[in-house]
Amino acid sequence: MKELVEVIAKSLVEHPDEVLVTEKENGKTTVIELKVAQSDMGKVIGKQGRIAKAIRAVVKAAASKTDKKVVVDII
């Protein structure tokens, strides 16, 4: 999941070298934290959060194969 979020985020931003993705497991829940440059924050979130929702939907669909819940946090 971490790699998926990283590929999506790097394709959206102007500074792909500043994209940082961390993954933390908490029982059956996995938290993926996405950090981008401040100037790229709007590109990752999108108007009214549409891009952020789309990223979360793709990750949720990919995680449906496993029995884990995946949460994507944009920091």
N, C-alpha and C. Protein backbone atom coordinates (compact mmCIF):
# COMPACT_ATOMS: atom_id res chain seq x y z
N MET A 1 0.81 -1.20 0.00
CA MET A 1 0.00 0.00 0.00
C MET A 1 0.86 1.27 0.00
N LYS A 2 1.95 1.20 0.73
CA LYS A 2 2.84 2.35 0.83
C LYS A 2 3.34 2.76 -0.55
N GLU A 3 3.74 1.77 -1.34
CA GLU A 3 4.27 2.05 -2.67
C GLU A 3 3.20 2.66 -3.58
N LEU A 4 1.97 2.17 -3.44
CA LEU A 4 0.86 2.69 -4.24
C LEU A 4 0.63 4.17 -3.97
N VAL A 5 0.58 4.54 -2.70
CA VAL A 5 0.37 5.94 -2.34
C VAL A 5 1.54 6.79 -2.82
N GLU A 6 2.74 6.26 -2.71
CA GLU A 6 3.93 7.00 -3.14
C GLU A 6 3.91 7.27 -4.64
N VAL A 7 3.56 6.28 -5.43
CA VAL A 7 3.51 6.45 -6.89
C VAL A 7 2.45 7.47 -7.28
N ILE A 8 1.28 7.39 -6.66
CA ILE A 8 0.20 8.33 -6.97
C ILE A 8 0.61 9.75 -6.60
N ALA A 9 1.16 9.92 -5.40
CA ALA A 9 1.53 11.26 -4.93
C ALA A 9 2.64 11.86 -5.79
N LYS A 10 3.64 11.07 -6.13
CA LYS A 10 4.76 11.60 -6.93
C LYS A 10 4.31 12.02 -8.32
N SER A 11 3.27 11.38 -8.85
CA SER A 11 2.79 11.76 -10.17
C SER A 11 1.97 13.05 -10.13
N LEU A 12 1.50 13.45 -8.95
CA LEU A 12 0.66 14.64 -8.82
C LEU A 12 1.45 15.91 -8.53
N VAL A 13 2.57 15.80 -7.85
CA VAL A 13 3.26 16.99 -7.31
C VAL A 13 4.36 17.50 -8.24
N GLU A 14 4.78 18.74 -7.98
CA GLU A 14 5.89 19.34 -8.73
C GLU A 14 7.25 18.96 -8.14
N HIS A 15 7.28 18.63 -6.86
CA HIS A 15 8.52 18.27 -6.18
C HIS A 15 8.43 16.82 -5.70
N PRO A 16 8.59 15.84 -6.60
CA PRO A 16 8.43 14.44 -6.20
C PRO A 16 9.50 13.96 -5.22
N ASP A 17 10.64 14.64 -5.17
CA ASP A 17 11.70 14.24 -4.24
C ASP A 17 11.34 14.56 -2.79
N GLU A 18 10.34 15.41 -2.57
CA GLU A 18 9.94 15.78 -1.21
C GLU A 18 8.75 14.97 -0.70
N VAL A 19 8.33 13.97 -1.47
CA VAL A 19 7.22 13.12 -1.05
C VAL A 19 7.76 12.08 -0.07
N LEU A 20 7.11 11.98 1.09
CA LEU A 20 7.51 11.02 2.11
C LEU A 20 6.28 10.25 2.57
N VAL A 21 6.36 8.92 2.46
CA VAL A 21 5.25 8.07 2.85
C VAL A 21 5.73 7.12 3.94
N THR A 22 5.01 7.10 5.06
CA THR A 22 5.33 6.18 6.15
C THR A 22 4.12 5.30 6.42
N GLU A 23 4.40 4.10 6.90
CA GLU A 23 3.34 3.13 7.15
C GLU A 23 3.46 2.61 8.57
N LYS A 24 2.35 2.65 9.31
CA LYS A 24 2.33 2.16 10.68
C LYS A 24 1.22 1.14 10.82
N GLU A 25 1.52 0.01 11.42
CA GLU A 25 0.51 -1.01 11.61
C GLU A 25 0.04 -1.00 13.06
N ASN A 26 -1.28 -1.13 13.21
CA ASN A 26 -1.90 -1.09 14.52
C ASN A 26 -2.95 -2.20 14.56
N GLY A 27 -2.54 -3.42 14.78
CA GLY A 27 -3.48 -4.53 14.76
C GLY A 27 -3.96 -4.80 13.35
N LYS A 28 -5.28 -4.66 13.12
CA LYS A 28 -5.84 -4.86 11.79
C LYS A 28 -5.93 -3.56 11.00
N THR A 29 -5.46 -2.48 11.57
CA THR A 29 -5.50 -1.19 10.90
C THR A 29 -4.09 -0.76 10.50
N THR A 30 -3.96 -0.30 9.27
CA THR A 30 -2.70 0.24 8.79
C THR A 30 -2.90 1.72 8.50
N VAL A 31 -2.04 2.56 9.05
CA VAL A 31 -2.11 4.00 8.83
C VAL A 31 -0.97 4.40 7.91
N ILE A 32 -1.32 5.01 6.79
CA ILE A 32 -0.32 5.48 5.83
C ILE A 32 -0.32 7.00 5.90
N GLU A 33 0.84 7.57 6.25
CA GLU A 33 0.97 9.02 6.34
C GLU A 33 1.69 9.54 5.11
N LEU A 34 1.12 10.53 4.47
CA LEU A 34 1.68 11.13 3.26
C LEU A 34 2.09 12.56 3.57
N LYS A 35 3.37 12.85 3.36
CA LYS A 35 3.87 14.22 3.56
C LYS A 35 4.40 14.72 2.21
N VAL A 36 3.99 15.93 1.85
CA VAL A 36 4.46 16.56 0.61
C VAL A 36 4.93 17.97 0.93
N ALA A 37 5.57 18.61 -0.04
CA ALA A 37 6.00 19.99 0.15
C ALA A 37 4.78 20.88 0.34
N GLN A 38 4.94 21.95 1.09
CA GLN A 38 3.82 22.84 1.39
C GLN A 38 3.19 23.39 0.11
N SER A 39 4.02 23.67 -0.90
CA SER A 39 3.49 24.22 -2.15
C SER A 39 2.70 23.19 -2.95
N ASP A 40 2.89 21.91 -2.68
CA ASP A 40 2.19 20.85 -3.39
C ASP A 40 0.95 20.34 -2.64
N MET A 41 0.68 20.87 -1.48
CA MET A 41 -0.42 20.37 -0.67
C MET A 41 -1.76 20.48 -1.39
N GLY A 42 -1.99 21.58 -2.08
CA GLY A 42 -3.24 21.77 -2.79
C GLY A 42 -3.44 20.77 -3.92
N LYS A 43 -2.35 20.37 -4.54
CA LYS A 43 -2.45 19.41 -5.64
C LYS A 43 -2.80 18.02 -5.15
N VAL A 44 -2.37 17.69 -3.95
CA VAL A 44 -2.67 16.37 -3.39
C VAL A 44 -4.08 16.33 -2.81
N ILE A 45 -4.54 17.44 -2.26
CA ILE A 45 -5.87 17.48 -1.67
C ILE A 45 -6.94 17.73 -2.74
N GLY A 46 -6.70 18.66 -3.63
CA GLY A 46 -7.65 18.96 -4.70
C GLY A 46 -8.79 19.84 -4.22
N LYS A 47 -9.61 20.26 -5.18
CA LYS A 47 -10.76 21.10 -4.84
C LYS A 47 -11.75 20.29 -4.03
N GLN A 48 -12.11 20.84 -2.89
CA GLN A 48 -13.05 20.22 -1.96
C GLN A 48 -12.62 18.80 -1.56
N GLY A 49 -11.31 18.53 -1.62
CA GLY A 49 -10.79 17.24 -1.18
C GLY A 49 -11.04 16.09 -2.13
N ARG A 50 -11.34 16.38 -3.38
CA ARG A 50 -11.68 15.32 -4.33
C ARG A 50 -10.52 14.38 -4.61
N ILE A 51 -9.32 14.92 -4.79
CA ILE A 51 -8.18 14.06 -5.09
C ILE A 51 -7.82 13.22 -3.87
N ALA A 52 -7.88 13.81 -2.68
CA ALA A 52 -7.60 13.05 -1.45
C ALA A 52 -8.60 11.91 -1.30
N LYS A 53 -9.88 12.17 -1.58
CA LYS A 53 -10.89 11.12 -1.51
C LYS A 53 -10.62 10.03 -2.52
N ALA A 54 -10.17 10.42 -3.72
CA ALA A 54 -9.87 9.42 -4.76
C ALA A 54 -8.69 8.55 -4.36
N ILE A 55 -7.66 9.16 -3.77
CA ILE A 55 -6.50 8.38 -3.30
C ILE A 55 -6.95 7.38 -2.24
N ARG A 56 -7.77 7.84 -1.31
CA ARG A 56 -8.25 6.95 -0.25
C ARG A 56 -9.11 5.83 -0.83
N ALA A 57 -9.91 6.13 -1.85
CA ALA A 57 -10.76 5.10 -2.47
C ALA A 57 -9.93 4.04 -3.18
N VAL A 58 -8.87 4.46 -3.87
CA VAL A 58 -8.00 3.51 -4.57
C VAL A 58 -7.28 2.61 -3.56
N VAL A 59 -6.79 3.20 -2.49
CA VAL A 59 -6.09 2.42 -1.47
C VAL A 59 -7.06 1.46 -0.78
N LYS A 60 -8.27 1.92 -0.52
CA LYS A 60 -9.27 1.06 0.11
C LYS A 60 -9.60 -0.13 -0.80
N ALA A 61 -9.71 0.13 -2.09
CA ALA A 61 -10.00 -0.95 -3.04
C ALA A 61 -8.85 -1.94 -3.10
N ALA A 62 -7.63 -1.44 -3.08
CA ALA A 62 -6.46 -2.33 -3.10
C ALA A 62 -6.35 -3.12 -1.80
N ALA A 63 -6.78 -2.52 -0.69
CA ALA A 63 -6.69 -3.20 0.61
C ALA A 63 -7.82 -4.20 0.81
N SER A 64 -8.82 -4.16 -0.04
CA SER A 64 -9.95 -5.07 0.14
C SER A 64 -9.55 -6.53 -0.07
N LYS A 65 -8.42 -6.76 -0.73
CA LYS A 65 -7.92 -8.13 -0.91
C LYS A 65 -7.49 -8.73 0.42
N THR A 66 -6.96 -7.88 1.28
CA THR A 66 -6.53 -8.34 2.60
C THR A 66 -7.65 -8.10 3.60
N ASP A 67 -7.44 -8.54 4.81
CA ASP A 67 -8.45 -8.34 5.85
C ASP A 67 -8.13 -7.14 6.72
N LYS A 68 -7.42 -6.15 6.17
CA LYS A 68 -6.98 -5.02 6.96
C LYS A 68 -7.70 -3.75 6.53
N LYS A 69 -7.84 -2.83 7.47
CA LYS A 69 -8.38 -1.52 7.18
C LYS A 69 -7.20 -0.58 6.97
N VAL A 70 -7.23 0.21 5.92
CA VAL A 70 -6.14 1.12 5.61
C VAL A 70 -6.66 2.55 5.67
N VAL A 71 -5.95 3.39 6.41
CA VAL A 71 -6.30 4.80 6.57
C VAL A 71 -5.16 5.63 5.98
N VAL A 72 -5.49 6.61 5.11
CA VAL A 72 -4.49 7.48 4.52
C VAL A 72 -4.62 8.86 5.16
N ASP A 73 -3.55 9.32 5.80
CA ASP A 73 -3.51 10.66 6.40
C ASP A 73 -2.57 11.53 5.59
N ILE A 74 -3.05 12.70 5.20
CA ILE A 74 -2.21 13.66 4.48
C ILE A 74 -1.77 14.71 5.48
N ILE A 75 -0.46 14.80 5.66
CA ILE A 75 0.09 15.70 6.69
C ILE A 75 0.79 16.86 6.01
